[in-house]
Amino acid sequence: MIVMKFGGTSVESSEAIERVTCIVQRERRRHPVVVVSAMGKTTNKLLLAAREAAAGRRDQALSIVDELRTHHLIEGLALAGPAAAELDRYIRTHFEWLDELVKGISIVGELSPRSTDAIASVGERLSSLIVGYAFRAAGIPAQQMDSRQFIITDDSFTQAQPIFEEIYPRLRDRIAPAAEESVVVMGGYIGSTRDGQTTTLGRGGSDYSASIIGAGIGAEEIQIWTDVDGMLTTDPRIVPGGRRVKQITFAEAAELAYFGAKVLHPATVAPAVEKNIPVLILNSQRPDVTGTRITAEPAPSTNPVKSISCKRDITVLNIRSTRMLLAHGFLHRIFEIFDRFHTSVDMVSTSEVSVSLTIDHTEHLREICGELRQFSDVSVETGQAIVCLVGENIRHTPGIAGRAFQVLHDKNIRMISQGASLLNLGFVIAEQDLVSAVTALHTEFFSKLDPNIFD
């Protein structure tokens, strides 16, 4: 058995779902469980409708819902074949329920986390329904299974945590046998509490669902189908011409994701890592491209660096102790403030009397600086960027830092950090230097490529 997860762009329209149908058709012998995201930007629009309703703009909220209803009916019914009338009733029933919920929120004038999840879940509930009908109309034996019956979570609405000891037996006892008989279609991102209240898993929730389901049924691999060919040697939005990385480790993928790569969030594949299930990143618009395979163990490579990741719009805080030496508890006081304001720190560099660190969310910057200045001097630098070289071989190859900084000799490097994992070498430069810096680094480290690893 395999798990095949299709993201929003892969199921955004009838044409896209037809491509998905062809992809699943050729994998039928492997007994796929298909996990789908909401169609296109549906979840964003659902949440916008919820906010509009809570703000008292009922008509605007209902207009958004009506736009979504029309889209799902047009795109869905085009795929359902003889069962179009039946699908039409199901879709309209979902939206009638959604209309009533939006009206209720507009009356109360308040959007609770529980109501947020109820509304946000509609996208996956509908897309899995439509995909199931599309499969059957194309001659694929398929059954839709409501993920909320299997992905049991706590009641931390909008960021629910799975309860694995309840999930895995359900997946093993019901989904695995069903997949032997037909293609199972499930919605990603959604679950429910023990008492049946709908929840969502937060950022990267559909990938997380796929990983959980794969671990629960003992899948041989988990395929993440998206709109890119896989992981590349550099971000094409920064520097075009990056090459596809054919194989990478979970640890390398995690480092890339933490430092800007958007293809996969590392936390979402944790269940796959624990069960040592390979994860493939594939492009639903170019299904013949073999993508990127993510595994626990590295493949031999003559290249020390696998990829260069970047983060724009970085803010650097320089925090200097008002005493001559770092007092006991100085670092604790610093990071306790960031924790209290729910602000993540990307990179840290320390000396005897000072700490420099980077953040990419500045919502609470003024409050954070105010508290830090009670016991330290603080300066702030905006308009910075993080560049990170990632690769298992960095730890084993002398001279990587020397080569990197030689080609960046004309750049002002603000911070340098090598991760405790020894898989990455990161540094901070002015954002205006980002394109030229990444171009120079890419030329230095990827002028020759190991054909076993890169394409």
Protein backbone atom coordinates (compact mmCIF):
# COMPACT_ATOMS: atom_id res chain seq x y z
CA MET A 1 0.00 0.00 0.00
CA ILE A 2 1.02 3.59 -0.64
CA VAL A 3 -0.34 6.99 0.39
CA MET A 4 -0.77 9.62 -2.32
CA LYS A 5 -1.39 13.14 -1.06
CA PHE A 6 -2.51 15.81 -3.53
CA GLY A 7 -2.23 19.47 -2.58
CA GLY A 8 -4.63 22.30 -3.35
CA THR A 9 -3.19 23.17 -6.76
CA SER A 10 -3.39 19.49 -7.75
CA VAL A 11 -7.17 19.41 -7.17
CA GLU A 12 -8.08 23.05 -7.88
CA SER A 13 -10.22 22.36 -10.97
CA SER A 14 -11.87 19.61 -12.98
CA GLU A 15 -8.86 19.53 -15.31
CA ALA A 16 -6.48 19.16 -12.37
CA ILE A 17 -8.58 16.37 -10.85
CA GLU A 18 -8.60 14.58 -14.20
CA ARG A 19 -4.78 14.61 -14.07
CA VAL A 20 -4.95 13.21 -10.54
CA THR A 21 -7.30 10.48 -11.75
CA CYS A 22 -4.78 9.41 -14.41
CA ILE A 23 -1.94 9.41 -11.86
CA VAL A 24 -3.91 7.27 -9.39
CA GLN A 25 -5.07 4.93 -12.16
CA ARG A 26 -1.50 3.90 -12.95
CA GLU A 27 -0.77 3.24 -9.26
CA ARG A 28 -3.87 1.10 -8.57
CA ARG A 29 -1.89 -2.13 -8.26
CA ARG A 30 -0.13 -0.61 -5.22
CA HIS A 31 -3.44 -0.11 -3.36
CA PRO A 32 -3.28 3.66 -2.87
CA VAL A 33 -4.92 5.65 -0.11
CA VAL A 34 -5.48 9.12 -1.57
CA VAL A 35 -5.36 12.16 0.73
CA VAL A 36 -6.50 15.49 -0.70
CA SER A 37 -6.30 19.13 0.31
CA ALA A 38 -9.09 21.62 -0.32
CA MET A 39 -9.50 22.82 -3.91
CA GLY A 40 -7.11 25.70 -4.67
CA LYS A 41 -7.51 28.61 -2.24
CA THR A 42 -10.75 27.29 -0.74
CA THR A 43 -9.53 27.22 2.88
CA ASN A 44 -8.31 30.83 2.70
CA LYS A 45 -11.70 31.92 1.32
CA LEU A 46 -13.60 29.96 3.96
CA LEU A 47 -11.60 31.64 6.73
CA LEU A 48 -12.12 35.04 5.10
CA ALA A 49 -15.87 34.41 5.06
CA ALA A 50 -15.72 33.50 8.75
CA ARG A 51 -13.86 36.71 9.61
CA GLU A 52 -16.27 38.82 7.57
CA ALA A 53 -19.21 37.24 9.38
CA ALA A 54 -17.64 37.83 12.80
CA ALA A 55 -17.08 41.49 11.85
CA GLY A 56 -20.78 41.85 11.10
CA ARG A 57 -20.39 41.89 7.32
CA ARG A 58 -22.87 39.08 6.74
CA ASP A 59 -23.64 39.83 3.10
CA GLN A 60 -19.96 39.86 2.16
CA ALA A 61 -19.44 36.57 3.98
CA LEU A 62 -22.39 34.91 2.24
CA SER A 63 -21.15 36.22 -1.10
CA ILE A 64 -17.82 34.43 -0.58
CA VAL A 65 -19.65 31.24 0.37
CA ASP A 66 -21.82 31.53 -2.75
CA GLU A 67 -18.71 31.95 -4.92
CA LEU A 68 -17.26 28.76 -3.42
CA ARG A 69 -20.57 26.92 -3.89
CA THR A 70 -20.63 27.81 -7.60
CA HIS A 71 -17.01 26.76 -8.10
CA HIS A 72 -17.47 23.38 -6.43
CA LEU A 73 -20.69 22.67 -8.30
CA ILE A 74 -19.25 23.58 -11.71
CA GLU A 75 -15.95 21.77 -11.28
CA GLY A 76 -17.37 18.81 -9.35
CA LEU A 77 -20.38 18.00 -11.47
CA ALA A 78 -18.23 18.04 -14.61
CA LEU A 79 -16.45 14.97 -13.24
CA ALA A 80 -19.23 12.91 -11.66
CA GLY A 81 -20.74 11.40 -14.80
CA PRO A 82 -24.02 9.53 -14.17
CA ALA A 83 -23.83 10.34 -10.45
CA ALA A 84 -23.83 14.12 -11.00
CA ALA A 85 -27.30 14.60 -9.49
CA GLU A 86 -26.32 12.72 -6.35
CA LEU A 87 -23.11 14.76 -5.96
CA ASP A 88 -25.09 17.95 -6.56
CA ARG A 89 -27.30 17.15 -3.54
CA TYR A 90 -24.30 16.44 -1.32
CA ILE A 91 -22.50 19.66 -2.29
CA ARG A 92 -25.62 21.78 -1.78
CA THR A 93 -26.25 20.18 1.62
CA HIS A 94 -22.71 21.10 2.76
CA PHE A 95 -23.19 24.70 1.66
CA GLU A 96 -26.62 25.02 3.23
CA TRP A 97 -25.01 23.99 6.53
CA LEU A 98 -22.20 26.49 5.90
CA ASP A 99 -24.69 29.27 5.17
CA GLU A 100 -26.38 28.69 8.53
CA LEU A 101 -23.08 28.62 10.40
CA VAL A 102 -21.94 31.89 8.80
CA LYS A 103 -25.26 33.53 9.66
CA GLY A 104 -24.91 32.36 13.25
CA ILE A 105 -21.40 33.80 13.53
CA SER A 106 -22.59 37.13 12.15
CA ILE A 107 -25.36 37.26 14.78
CA VAL A 108 -23.03 36.45 17.67
CA GLY A 109 -20.24 38.63 16.31
CA GLU A 110 -17.57 36.27 17.55
CA LEU A 111 -15.44 33.62 15.84
CA SER A 112 -14.30 30.92 18.26
CA PRO A 113 -11.47 28.48 17.44
CA ARG A 114 -14.05 25.70 17.43
CA SER A 115 -16.20 27.50 14.83
CA THR A 116 -13.07 28.32 12.83
CA ASP A 117 -12.25 24.63 12.51
CA ALA A 118 -15.83 23.73 11.61
CA ILE A 119 -15.74 26.19 8.71
CA ALA A 120 -12.17 25.43 7.62
CA SER A 121 -12.93 21.70 7.41
CA VAL A 122 -15.48 22.17 4.62
CA GLY A 123 -12.81 22.42 1.93
CA GLU A 124 -11.35 18.97 2.52
CA ARG A 125 -14.73 17.40 3.13
CA LEU A 126 -15.89 18.61 -0.28
CA SER A 127 -12.71 17.92 -2.25
CA SER A 128 -12.52 14.33 -1.00
CA LEU A 129 -16.18 13.87 -1.92
CA ILE A 130 -15.66 15.26 -5.43
CA VAL A 131 -12.46 13.27 -6.04
CA GLY A 132 -14.20 10.07 -4.97
CA TYR A 133 -17.00 10.67 -7.48
CA ALA A 134 -14.46 11.53 -10.20
CA PHE A 135 -12.60 8.26 -9.61
CA ARG A 136 -15.74 6.17 -9.83
CA ALA A 137 -16.90 7.97 -12.99
CA ALA A 138 -13.50 7.10 -14.53
CA GLY A 139 -13.92 3.42 -13.67
CA ILE A 140 -11.73 3.35 -10.55
CA PRO A 141 -13.37 1.50 -7.63
CA ALA A 142 -13.20 4.12 -4.87
CA GLN A 143 -14.74 4.96 -1.54
CA GLN A 144 -14.57 8.18 0.41
CA MET A 145 -13.83 7.83 4.12
CA ASP A 146 -14.43 10.72 6.52
CA SER A 147 -11.05 11.50 8.08
CA ARG A 148 -12.78 12.73 11.22
CA GLN A 149 -13.62 9.13 12.09
CA PHE A 150 -9.94 8.16 12.10
CA ILE A 151 -7.76 11.18 12.93
CA ILE A 152 -8.64 11.61 16.61
CA THR A 153 -7.13 14.69 18.27
CA ASP A 154 -7.18 16.75 21.43
CA ASP A 155 -9.37 19.86 21.62
CA SER A 156 -6.66 22.40 20.73
CA PHE A 157 -8.81 23.80 17.93
CA THR A 158 -6.91 25.18 14.88
CA GLN A 159 -3.72 23.44 16.07
CA ALA A 160 -5.02 20.06 17.20
CA GLN A 161 -2.58 17.35 18.27
CA PRO A 162 -3.19 13.77 17.10
CA ILE A 163 -3.81 11.04 19.67
CA PHE A 164 -1.82 8.30 17.98
CA GLU A 165 -2.82 5.47 20.28
CA GLU A 166 -6.40 5.94 19.10
CA ILE A 167 -5.61 6.75 15.47
CA TYR A 168 -3.33 3.87 14.51
CA PRO A 169 -5.68 1.02 15.48
CA ARG A 170 -8.51 2.62 13.50
CA LEU A 171 -6.34 3.05 10.44
CA ARG A 172 -4.96 -0.49 10.72
CA ASP A 173 -8.34 -2.13 11.27
CA ARG A 174 -10.47 -0.17 8.79
CA ILE A 175 -8.45 1.79 6.23
CA ALA A 176 -5.85 -0.87 5.44
CA PRO A 177 -8.45 -3.60 4.65
CA ALA A 178 -10.55 -1.12 2.64
CA ALA A 179 -7.51 -0.15 0.55
CA GLU A 180 -7.05 -3.77 -0.46
CA GLU A 181 -10.49 -3.68 -2.09
CA SER A 182 -10.66 -0.18 -3.60
CA VAL A 183 -8.97 3.22 -3.67
CA VAL A 184 -9.68 5.03 -0.39
CA VAL A 185 -10.09 8.81 -0.60
CA MET A 186 -9.70 10.93 2.54
CA GLY A 187 -9.52 14.62 3.30
CA GLY A 188 -6.28 15.92 4.78
CA TYR A 189 -5.91 18.57 7.49
CA ILE A 190 -9.04 17.59 9.44
CA GLY A 191 -9.79 15.38 12.43
CA SER A 192 -12.10 15.33 15.42
CA THR A 193 -12.04 15.16 19.18
CA ARG A 194 -13.10 12.05 21.04
CA ASP A 195 -16.60 13.50 21.35
CA GLY A 196 -16.87 14.24 17.63
CA GLN A 197 -16.04 17.96 17.42
CA THR A 198 -14.29 18.83 14.15
CA THR A 199 -10.65 19.95 14.45
CA THR A 200 -7.83 20.93 12.10
CA LEU A 201 -4.12 20.13 12.33
CA GLY A 202 -2.73 23.57 11.50
CA ARG A 203 0.05 24.46 9.08
CA GLY A 204 0.95 21.67 6.67
CA GLY A 205 -2.03 19.71 7.96
CA SER A 206 -2.66 17.70 4.81
CA ASP A 207 0.96 16.54 4.62
CA TYR A 208 0.69 15.65 8.30
CA SER A 209 -2.49 13.66 7.65
CA ALA A 210 -0.77 11.75 4.85
CA SER A 211 2.19 10.96 7.09
CA ILE A 212 -0.06 9.78 9.93
CA ILE A 213 -2.13 7.62 7.61
CA GLY A 214 0.98 6.16 6.00
CA ALA A 215 2.43 5.27 9.38
CA GLY A 216 -0.89 3.83 10.55
CA ILE A 217 -1.38 1.48 7.59
CA GLY A 218 2.31 0.58 7.24
CA ALA A 219 2.62 2.13 3.78
CA GLU A 220 5.67 1.31 1.68
CA GLU A 221 5.97 4.99 0.69
CA ILE A 222 4.19 8.32 0.97
CA GLN A 223 3.87 10.46 -2.15
CA ILE A 224 3.36 14.21 -1.75
CA TRP A 225 2.02 15.52 -5.07
CA THR A 226 2.34 19.28 -5.50
CA ASP A 227 3.11 21.83 -8.26
CA VAL A 228 6.94 21.59 -8.27
CA ASP A 229 9.28 18.90 -9.57
CA GLY A 230 10.78 18.29 -6.13
CA MET A 231 13.44 19.96 -4.04
CA LEU A 232 15.94 22.06 -6.01
CA THR A 233 19.53 23.13 -5.45
CA THR A 234 18.26 26.67 -4.88
CA ASP A 235 14.99 28.60 -4.69
CA PRO A 236 13.94 29.46 -8.28
CA ARG A 237 12.25 32.60 -6.97
CA ILE A 238 15.70 33.84 -5.91
CA VAL A 239 17.95 32.42 -8.62
CA PRO A 240 16.60 30.56 -11.67
CA GLY A 241 18.39 27.51 -13.00
CA GLY A 242 18.41 25.33 -9.90
CA ARG A 243 18.74 21.59 -10.47
CA ARG A 244 16.47 18.91 -9.04
CA VAL A 245 17.76 16.96 -6.04
CA LYS A 246 16.78 13.34 -6.67
CA GLN A 247 17.49 12.05 -3.16
CA ILE A 248 17.84 13.75 0.21
CA THR A 249 17.62 12.74 3.86
CA PHE A 250 14.87 13.67 6.29
CA ALA A 251 17.45 15.65 8.29
CA GLU A 252 18.55 17.63 5.23
CA ALA A 253 14.95 18.29 4.20
CA ALA A 254 14.18 19.54 7.70
CA GLU A 255 17.11 21.98 7.66
CA LEU A 256 16.04 23.30 4.24
CA ALA A 257 12.46 23.76 5.39
CA TYR A 258 13.43 25.57 8.58
CA PHE A 259 15.52 28.00 6.54
CA GLY A 260 13.06 28.91 3.83
CA ALA A 261 12.24 25.96 1.56
CA LYS A 262 8.46 25.81 1.14
CA VAL A 263 8.07 22.34 -0.37
CA LEU A 264 7.69 20.41 2.88
CA HIS A 265 7.40 21.28 6.56
CA PRO A 266 9.55 18.83 8.54
CA ALA A 267 7.15 18.42 11.47
CA THR A 268 4.48 17.15 9.12
CA VAL A 269 6.43 14.02 8.15
CA ALA A 270 7.50 13.06 11.68
CA PRO A 271 5.30 9.91 11.72
CA ALA A 272 6.93 8.78 8.46
CA VAL A 273 10.39 9.40 9.93
CA GLU A 274 9.53 7.36 13.03
CA LYS A 275 8.34 4.44 10.88
CA ASN A 276 11.19 4.89 8.35
CA ILE A 277 8.77 5.30 5.42
CA PRO A 278 10.26 7.06 2.36
CA VAL A 279 8.54 10.29 1.27
CA LEU A 280 8.47 11.38 -2.38
CA ILE A 281 7.89 14.96 -3.58
CA LEU A 282 6.25 14.83 -7.04
CA ASN A 283 4.65 17.22 -9.54
CA SER A 284 1.06 16.45 -10.52
CA GLN A 285 1.46 18.62 -13.64
CA ARG A 286 4.57 16.67 -14.71
CA PRO A 287 3.92 13.17 -13.36
CA ASP A 288 6.74 11.53 -15.35
CA VAL A 289 9.39 13.50 -13.43
CA THR A 290 10.70 11.24 -10.67
CA GLY A 291 10.78 14.04 -8.09
CA THR A 292 12.72 14.00 -4.83
CA ARG A 293 12.95 10.94 -2.59
CA ILE A 294 13.40 11.63 1.13
CA THR A 295 14.86 8.80 3.19
CA ALA A 296 16.45 8.27 6.58
CA GLU A 297 19.90 7.30 5.31
CA PRO A 298 21.97 9.46 2.92
CA ALA A 299 23.01 8.20 -0.50
CA PRO A 300 26.71 8.57 -1.40
CA SER A 301 27.36 11.93 -3.07
CA THR A 302 30.45 13.66 -4.40
CA ASN A 303 28.83 17.06 -3.75
CA PRO A 304 29.24 18.34 -0.19
CA VAL A 305 26.20 20.64 -0.47
CA LYS A 306 22.73 19.43 -1.47
CA SER A 307 20.90 22.75 -1.63
CA ILE A 308 20.99 26.44 -0.73
CA SER A 309 17.98 27.80 1.12
CA CYS A 310 17.15 31.43 1.84
CA LYS A 311 14.89 33.56 4.00
CA ARG A 312 14.08 37.14 3.14
CA ASP A 313 12.84 39.94 5.40
CA ILE A 314 14.91 38.93 8.40
CA THR A 315 15.41 41.15 11.46
CA VAL A 316 18.60 40.91 13.53
CA LEU A 317 18.57 41.77 17.23
CA ASN A 318 21.90 42.50 18.91
CA ILE A 319 21.54 42.11 22.67
CA ARG A 320 24.47 43.25 24.83
CA SER A 321 24.66 42.60 28.55
CA THR A 322 24.81 45.76 30.62
CA ARG A 323 27.34 43.96 32.82
CA MET A 324 30.90 43.21 31.75
CA LEU A 325 30.29 39.46 31.66
CA LEU A 326 27.26 37.38 30.83
CA ALA A 327 25.51 36.88 34.15
CA HIS A 328 24.04 33.52 35.10
CA GLY A 329 20.55 33.32 33.65
CA PHE A 330 21.16 35.96 30.94
CA LEU A 331 20.31 33.64 28.04
CA HIS A 332 17.35 32.21 29.94
CA ARG A 333 15.90 35.69 30.44
CA ILE A 334 16.33 36.49 26.75
CA PHE A 335 14.63 33.39 25.40
CA GLU A 336 11.91 33.42 28.02
CA ILE A 337 10.79 36.76 26.55
CA PHE A 338 10.66 35.36 23.01
CA ASP A 339 8.72 32.35 24.29
CA ARG A 340 6.21 34.55 26.07
CA PHE A 341 5.53 36.49 22.88
CA HIS A 342 5.36 33.29 20.76
CA THR A 343 8.17 34.53 18.51
CA SER A 344 10.51 31.95 16.98
CA VAL A 345 14.24 32.54 16.67
CA ASP A 346 15.97 31.21 13.56
CA MET A 347 19.67 31.75 14.18
CA VAL A 348 21.75 32.58 17.26
CA SER A 349 25.35 33.71 17.70
CA THR A 350 26.88 34.45 21.10
CA SER A 351 30.03 36.01 22.51
CA GLU A 352 31.22 36.75 26.03
CA VAL A 353 29.01 39.79 26.50
CA SER A 354 26.46 39.74 23.69
CA VAL A 355 23.91 37.68 21.76
CA SER A 356 22.81 38.24 18.18
CA LEU A 357 19.74 36.47 16.87
CA THR A 358 17.34 36.58 13.96
CA ILE A 359 13.56 36.58 13.74
CA ASP A 360 11.21 36.66 10.75
CA HIS A 361 8.01 37.66 12.57
CA THR A 362 8.15 41.17 14.04
CA GLU A 363 4.59 41.49 15.28
CA HIS A 364 5.75 41.82 18.89
CA LEU A 365 9.16 43.39 18.23
CA ARG A 366 8.46 46.60 20.17
CA GLU A 367 7.29 44.71 23.28
CA ILE A 368 10.20 42.27 23.08
CA CYS A 369 12.76 45.06 22.80
CA GLY A 370 11.12 46.91 25.69
CA GLU A 371 11.53 43.92 27.99
CA LEU A 372 15.06 43.14 26.80
CA ARG A 373 16.15 46.73 27.52
CA GLN A 374 15.34 46.24 31.19
CA PHE A 375 18.61 44.33 31.52
CA SER A 376 20.54 44.84 28.25
CA ASP A 377 21.34 47.20 25.39
CA VAL A 378 19.46 46.28 22.21
CA SER A 379 19.95 47.32 18.59
CA VAL A 380 17.80 46.24 15.67
CA GLU A 381 18.79 45.72 12.03
CA THR A 382 16.08 45.19 9.42
CA GLY A 383 16.29 44.29 5.74
CA GLN A 384 18.49 41.24 6.27
CA ALA A 385 18.41 37.74 4.77
CA ILE A 386 19.55 34.27 5.84
CA VAL A 387 21.47 32.06 3.43
CA CYS A 388 22.00 28.43 4.43
CA LEU A 389 24.12 25.72 2.80
CA VAL A 390 22.70 22.28 3.60
CA GLY A 391 24.19 18.83 3.08
CA GLU A 392 25.17 15.69 4.97
CA ASN A 393 28.71 15.92 3.55
CA ILE A 394 29.36 19.37 5.03
CA ARG A 395 30.37 17.73 8.28
CA HIS A 396 32.92 15.50 6.52
CA THR A 397 34.36 17.98 4.01
CA PRO A 398 37.06 20.46 5.12
CA GLY A 399 37.13 23.93 3.63
CA ILE A 400 33.42 24.45 2.96
CA ALA A 401 33.27 27.68 4.96
CA GLY A 402 36.47 28.91 3.30
CA ARG A 403 35.05 28.32 -0.18
CA ALA A 404 31.76 30.00 0.73
CA PHE A 405 33.29 33.10 2.23
CA GLN A 406 35.87 33.41 -0.54
CA VAL A 407 33.15 33.84 -3.18
CA LEU A 408 31.38 36.27 -0.81
CA HIS A 409 34.48 38.33 -0.10
CA ASP A 410 32.75 41.55 -1.15
CA LYS A 411 29.65 40.97 1.04
CA ASN A 412 29.20 42.15 4.61
CA ILE A 413 28.37 38.97 6.55
CA ARG A 414 26.54 39.91 9.75
CA MET A 415 26.27 36.55 11.50
CA ILE A 416 27.66 33.05 10.99
CA SER A 417 26.22 29.85 12.44
CA GLN A 418 26.87 26.15 11.94
CA GLY A 419 23.98 24.05 13.21
CA ALA A 420 24.47 21.52 15.97
CA SER A 421 23.51 18.86 13.44
CA LEU A 422 26.57 19.86 11.37
CA LEU A 423 24.34 19.64 8.31
CA ASN A 424 24.20 23.35 7.61
CA LEU A 425 26.31 26.45 7.41
CA GLY A 426 24.24 29.60 7.68
CA PHE A 427 24.94 33.29 7.63
CA VAL A 428 23.16 36.63 7.51
CA ILE A 429 23.68 39.24 4.80
CA ALA A 430 21.83 42.34 3.63
CA GLU A 431 18.75 41.37 1.63
CA GLN A 432 19.93 43.58 -1.23
CA ASP A 433 22.92 41.23 -1.64
CA LEU A 434 20.85 38.03 -1.60
CA VAL A 435 20.55 37.33 -5.33
CA SER A 436 24.21 37.96 -6.12
CA ALA A 437 25.33 35.96 -3.06
CA VAL A 438 23.20 32.91 -3.87
CA THR A 439 24.23 33.08 -7.53
CA ALA A 440 27.91 33.05 -6.54
CA LEU A 441 27.43 30.19 -4.07
CA HIS A 442 25.43 28.14 -6.56
CA THR A 443 28.16 28.50 -9.16
CA GLU A 444 30.80 27.52 -6.61
CA PHE A 445 29.10 24.40 -5.25
CA PHE A 446 27.04 23.14 -8.19
CA SER A 447 29.23 23.66 -11.24
CA LYS A 448 29.79 19.88 -11.19
CA LEU A 449 26.96 17.57 -10.17
CA ASP A 450 26.84 13.96 -9.02
CA PRO A 451 24.37 12.41 -11.52
CA ASN A 452 23.20 9.94 -8.88
CA ILE A 453 21.90 12.79 -6.73
CA PHE A 454 21.10 15.65 -9.10
CA ASP A 455 19.23 15.97 -12.37
